[in-house]
Structure formats: structure tokens, C-alpha cells
Protein backbone atom coordinates (compact mmCIF):
# COMPACT_ATOMS: atom_id res chain seq x y z
CA MET A 1 26.12 8.85 13.92
CA ALA A 2 29.34 10.80 14.55
CA LYS A 3 31.31 8.22 12.55
CA LEU A 4 28.83 8.42 9.69
CA ILE A 5 29.06 12.23 9.59
CA TRP A 6 32.86 12.01 9.63
CA LEU A 7 32.82 9.50 6.77
CA TYR A 8 30.31 11.57 4.82
CA LYS A 9 32.43 14.73 5.12
CA GLY A 10 35.46 12.76 3.97
CA GLU A 11 33.50 11.40 1.03
CA VAL A 12 32.44 14.88 -0.10
CA MET A 13 36.03 16.14 0.26
CA ARG A 14 37.34 13.27 -1.86
CA MET A 15 34.66 13.85 -4.50
CA ARG A 16 35.80 17.45 -4.67
CA ARG A 17 39.49 16.52 -4.80
CA TYR A 18 38.95 13.95 -7.54
CA GLY A 19 36.97 16.43 -9.65
CA ILE A 20 33.75 14.44 -9.28
CA LEU A 21 31.71 17.44 -8.15
CA LEU A 22 33.08 19.53 -11.01
CA ALA A 23 32.18 16.80 -13.50
CA SER A 24 28.69 16.64 -12.02
CA LEU A 25 28.34 20.41 -12.44
CA VAL A 26 29.43 20.18 -16.08
CA VAL A 27 26.81 17.49 -16.72
CA THR A 28 24.19 19.69 -15.05
CA ILE A 29 25.08 22.52 -17.42
CA ILE A 30 24.65 20.10 -20.33
CA TRP A 31 21.18 19.17 -19.03
CA ILE A 32 20.25 22.86 -18.77
CA ILE A 33 21.43 23.49 -22.34
CA THR A 34 19.37 20.50 -23.45
CA LEU A 35 16.28 21.95 -21.80
CA GLN A 36 16.93 25.37 -23.30
CA PHE A 37 17.38 24.24 -26.89
CA SER A 38 15.14 21.16 -26.93
CA GLY A 39 12.39 23.06 -28.73
CA VAL A 40 9.68 21.22 -26.76
CA GLU A 41 8.40 23.98 -24.49
CA GLU A 42 5.05 22.26 -24.13
CA GLY A 43 6.76 18.94 -23.44
CA ILE A 44 9.04 20.13 -20.65
CA ASN A 45 7.16 18.01 -18.12
CA PHE A 46 8.00 14.95 -20.22
CA LEU A 47 11.64 15.81 -20.94
CA PHE A 48 12.60 16.94 -17.44
CA PRO A 49 12.18 13.53 -15.71
CA LEU A 50 14.09 11.86 -18.56
CA LEU A 51 17.14 14.01 -17.86
CA ILE A 52 16.81 13.51 -14.11
CA ALA A 53 16.50 9.75 -14.65
CA ALA A 54 19.72 9.72 -16.67
CA ASP A 55 21.53 11.74 -14.01
CA ALA A 56 20.25 9.93 -10.92
CA SER A 57 20.86 6.49 -12.40
CA LEU A 58 23.77 6.51 -14.84
CA MET A 59 25.71 9.37 -13.27
CA SER A 60 25.33 7.82 -9.81
CA LEU A 61 26.59 4.52 -11.20
CA LEU A 62 29.55 6.13 -12.95
CA LEU A 63 30.55 8.61 -10.25
CA THR A 64 30.51 5.95 -7.55
CA GLY A 65 32.72 3.70 -9.65
CA VAL A 66 35.16 6.49 -10.49
CA THR A 67 35.40 7.64 -6.87
CA MET A 68 36.13 4.13 -5.61
CA THR A 69 38.73 3.62 -8.34
CA PHE A 70 40.59 6.75 -7.25
CA GLU A 71 40.33 5.63 -3.62
CA SER A 72 41.82 2.27 -4.54
CA GLN A 73 44.75 3.95 -6.30
CA GLU A 74 45.40 6.13 -3.24
CA SER A 75 44.91 3.23 -0.80
CA THR A 76 42.22 5.28 0.93
CA LEU A 77 40.16 2.20 1.67
CA ARG A 78 43.05 0.58 3.56
CA SER A 79 43.35 3.70 5.71
CA ILE A 80 39.63 3.59 6.50
CA GLN A 81 39.79 -0.12 7.33
CA VAL A 82 42.12 0.52 10.26
CA THR A 83 39.65 3.02 11.77
CA PRO A 84 36.78 1.87 14.05
CA VAL A 85 34.06 2.08 11.38
CA SER A 86 31.89 -0.69 10.01
CA SER A 87 31.57 -1.59 6.34
CA SER A 88 27.89 -0.61 6.43
CA GLU A 89 28.79 2.88 7.68
CA TYR A 90 31.42 3.23 4.96
CA LEU A 91 29.01 2.13 2.22
CA LEU A 92 26.22 4.35 3.55
CA ALA A 93 28.50 7.40 3.66
CA LYS A 94 29.65 6.74 0.11
CA THR A 95 26.06 6.36 -1.07
CA LEU A 96 25.03 9.56 0.73
CA GLY A 97 27.77 11.38 -1.17
CA THR A 98 26.29 10.12 -4.43
CA VAL A 99 22.78 11.09 -3.32
CA THR A 100 24.03 14.58 -2.45
CA SER A 101 25.48 15.04 -5.93
CA SER A 102 22.19 13.96 -7.52
CA LEU A 103 20.17 16.29 -5.29
CA VAL A 104 22.39 19.26 -6.16
CA THR A 105 21.81 18.55 -9.85
CA LEU A 106 18.07 18.25 -9.23
CA VAL A 107 17.91 21.56 -7.35
CA LEU A 108 19.76 23.42 -10.10
CA LEU A 109 17.54 21.94 -12.81
CA LEU A 110 14.41 22.67 -10.79
CA ILE A 111 15.43 26.30 -10.37
CA TYR A 112 15.96 26.62 -14.11
CA GLY A 113 12.82 24.72 -15.08
CA LEU A 114 10.52 26.54 -12.67
CA LEU A 115 11.88 30.01 -13.45
CA PHE A 116 12.42 29.82 -17.20
CA LYS A 117 10.47 26.85 -18.60
CA SER A 118 7.09 26.85 -16.80
CA LEU A 119 7.82 23.44 -15.34
CA ASP A 120 4.85 21.89 -13.53
CA ILE A 121 6.17 19.25 -11.16
CA ASN A 122 5.75 17.75 -7.70
CA VAL A 123 8.99 18.97 -6.11
CA LEU A 124 8.77 16.78 -3.00
CA GLY A 125 7.82 13.77 -5.08
CA ILE A 126 10.71 14.01 -7.50
CA SER A 127 13.14 14.83 -4.68
CA ALA A 128 12.17 11.64 -2.83
CA ALA A 129 12.41 9.69 -6.09
CA VAL A 130 15.92 11.02 -6.78
CA VAL A 131 17.07 10.02 -3.29
CA LEU A 132 15.79 6.47 -3.80
CA VAL A 133 17.12 6.10 -7.35
CA SER A 134 20.58 7.52 -6.64
CA PHE A 135 20.82 5.31 -3.53
CA VAL A 136 20.02 2.19 -5.55
CA PHE A 137 22.39 3.00 -8.41
CA GLY A 138 25.08 4.08 -5.99
CA GLN A 139 24.87 0.58 -4.51
CA LEU A 140 25.03 -0.90 -8.00
CA GLY A 141 28.13 1.18 -8.68
CA ILE A 142 29.78 -0.14 -5.51
CA LEU A 143 28.94 -3.74 -6.49
CA MET A 144 30.31 -3.29 -10.00
CA THR A 145 33.50 -1.69 -8.70
CA TYR A 146 34.16 -4.49 -6.23
CA SER A 147 33.54 -7.06 -8.98
CA ALA A 148 35.82 -5.36 -11.52
CA LYS A 149 39.50 -6.21 -11.81
CA ASP A 150 40.47 -2.70 -12.93
CA PHE A 151 38.96 0.52 -14.28
CA THR A 152 38.76 -0.83 -17.83
CA ASP A 153 36.86 -3.85 -16.56
CA LEU A 154 34.53 -1.48 -14.69
CA LEU A 155 33.83 0.54 -17.84
CA MET A 156 33.06 -2.66 -19.75
CA ALA A 157 30.64 -3.74 -17.02
CA MET A 158 28.86 -0.38 -17.25
CA PHE A 159 28.73 -0.64 -21.03
CA LYS A 160 27.12 -4.07 -20.77
CA PHE A 161 24.66 -2.65 -18.26
CA MET A 162 23.67 0.02 -20.78
CA LEU A 163 23.14 -2.56 -23.52
CA VAL A 164 21.03 -4.81 -21.34
CA PHE A 165 18.88 -2.25 -19.53
CA ILE A 166 18.99 1.17 -21.21
CA ILE A 167 18.48 0.19 -24.85
CA PRO A 168 15.27 -1.80 -24.14
CA THR A 169 13.87 1.20 -22.26
CA VAL A 170 14.68 3.54 -25.14
CA ILE A 171 13.11 1.13 -27.62
CA GLU A 172 9.90 0.92 -25.62
CA LEU A 173 9.82 4.66 -24.93
CA THR A 174 10.14 5.54 -28.61
CA GLY A 175 7.78 2.78 -29.76
CA LEU A 176 10.33 1.32 -32.18
CA LEU A 177 9.36 -2.22 -31.26
CA GLU A 178 6.44 -3.94 -29.61
CA ALA A 179 7.10 -7.45 -28.38
CA LYS A 180 6.02 -9.62 -25.47
CA TRP A 181 9.60 -10.39 -24.47
CA LEU A 182 10.38 -6.67 -24.31
CA THR A 183 7.37 -5.98 -22.10
CA ALA A 184 8.29 -8.90 -19.84
CA TRP A 185 11.91 -7.73 -19.59
CA GLN A 186 10.84 -4.30 -18.41
CA TYR A 187 9.34 -5.80 -15.25
CA ILE A 188 12.87 -6.52 -13.98
CA ASN A 189 14.56 -3.51 -15.58
CA PRO A 190 15.74 -0.97 -12.96
CA ILE A 191 16.05 1.76 -15.61
CA GLN A 192 12.41 1.33 -16.61
CA HIS A 193 11.23 1.47 -12.98
CA THR A 194 13.40 4.55 -12.43
CA LEU A 195 11.81 6.30 -15.39
CA VAL A 196 8.28 5.47 -14.24
CA LEU A 197 8.98 6.73 -10.72
CA LEU A 198 10.44 10.04 -11.88
CA GLN A 199 7.78 10.60 -14.54
CA ALA A 200 5.09 10.29 -11.88
CA ALA A 201 6.19 13.65 -10.48
CA SER A 202 5.30 15.58 -13.64
CA ILE A 203 2.99 13.51 -15.83
CA THR A 204 0.24 10.96 -15.27
CA VAL A 205 1.43 7.36 -15.01
CA ASP A 206 -0.43 4.16 -14.30
CA ARG A 207 -0.82 3.79 -10.53
CA SER A 208 -0.02 0.08 -10.57
CA LYS A 209 3.21 0.77 -12.48
CA LEU A 210 4.13 3.49 -9.99
CA TRP A 211 3.71 1.23 -6.97
CA SER A 212 5.52 -1.56 -8.79
CA ALA A 213 8.44 0.81 -9.42
CA ILE A 214 8.56 1.95 -5.80
CA CYS A 215 8.48 -1.60 -4.43
CA TYR A 216 11.04 -2.84 -6.94
CA LEU A 217 13.57 -0.08 -6.21
CA VAL A 218 13.11 -0.24 -2.43
CA ILE A 219 13.62 -4.01 -2.43
CA LEU A 220 16.58 -3.80 -4.83
CA GLY A 221 18.21 -1.07 -2.74
CA GLY A 222 17.73 -3.10 0.43
CA LEU A 223 19.20 -6.24 -1.14
CA LEU A 224 22.22 -4.41 -2.54
CA TYR A 225 22.94 -2.64 0.74
């Protein structure tokens, strides 16, 4: 446990040094502005989980990749490898740093939504969902970074991820297309399961879809870790 705490503190310090925490704060401000000027006061319970889903998934994916890229350039990983810590402890500490960033964003958005936008939401439910989602996508970010040759290759991998998983979710959410293949694809789409899980904290969702999302993300997170 002492090693994990030491690694976690180091992770947070590096995120601060690399400007990751500042970037996360800027994105949070953008989300707040979006809520303020969205013009959907009555639909705040629908919009809020969409923004949280984008932050907990895509931002976790991106921030993890960026952090590891900076670490590689500074040979931080080599320094850690000569210390008596296991790879699982290193990966867990890195993921906890990502989860912390997502939770800070959630807390700030909750404060704004509850105080100024009459947000009606299950705080504990969405907090638990954010922890799970950011953990899973943090692991995905680690996998993508290890598989990429350089930062450009990493960005291309993330772009492909967006094309394959985000666009189908947007299409289904907006009702632009109804097709059997699209419905079938969503069963294995982590973005879709993320959205369902986070929406369950503020609006009514099908119970079977909710449990399917929970099981999918828990299993995926376990496999990636």
C-alpha cells in the first residue's frame, strides 16, 4: 500500500508538471459554459451525463496517453523500473491519477449543476459510474500508448477509436439512422455502455441495458488491467 501511495503521489505531481491538471480544468470550464448556454434548462438531466461521459471516457483516454508520452520522453518509466514496484502497482497508480482527474471534474460540474441549474441526479450513482468508466478508459489509454510507435501514432489510434465507437453512438442517440447492424454493434461499444451507465443517474434507462453496461465495463476493465 505504501508503494501504491508513493506512486500515486508521483503520478499526480507529474500530471501537474506536464500541465495535465490545468488542461483538465480548462475542459471543465468548457463543460460549464456549455451547460450555461445550452438553452435546455429543462433538459439538464439529459445533457449533464453526456458531458460527463465525454470527460470520463475520452479525456481519460487522452490524458493517460499524453502523460505516458511525456514520461517516455523524460525516461521516467526507466527510473520507476529500477525501484521495487510491480507493473500492476504502476498501472494502478497511473489509473488512479486519471480517476482523480475525472472525479474533480465531476465535483465541479455537480456543484454548478446543483446550485445554478436545478440538476436532479443520483450523486453517489454517477460518482461510482465515473470511477468505473475512467478506470476502464485509463486502461485503454495505457494499452494504446504501449501499442503506439510515437505520439502521432497514438493520436491516429485515438482518431480511429472515435470513428469506430463514438460516431455510431452519436448516430443512434440522434436517431439519424436505424439499422440492425448499428444496434448489434452497440452491444460491444464501450462508449454506448458508458453513456447508458451515466444516464442512469439522472434519467430513466432500461434496467437490462443498465446491468448489461455495468457487467460489460467491469469485465472489460478487469481484462485490460
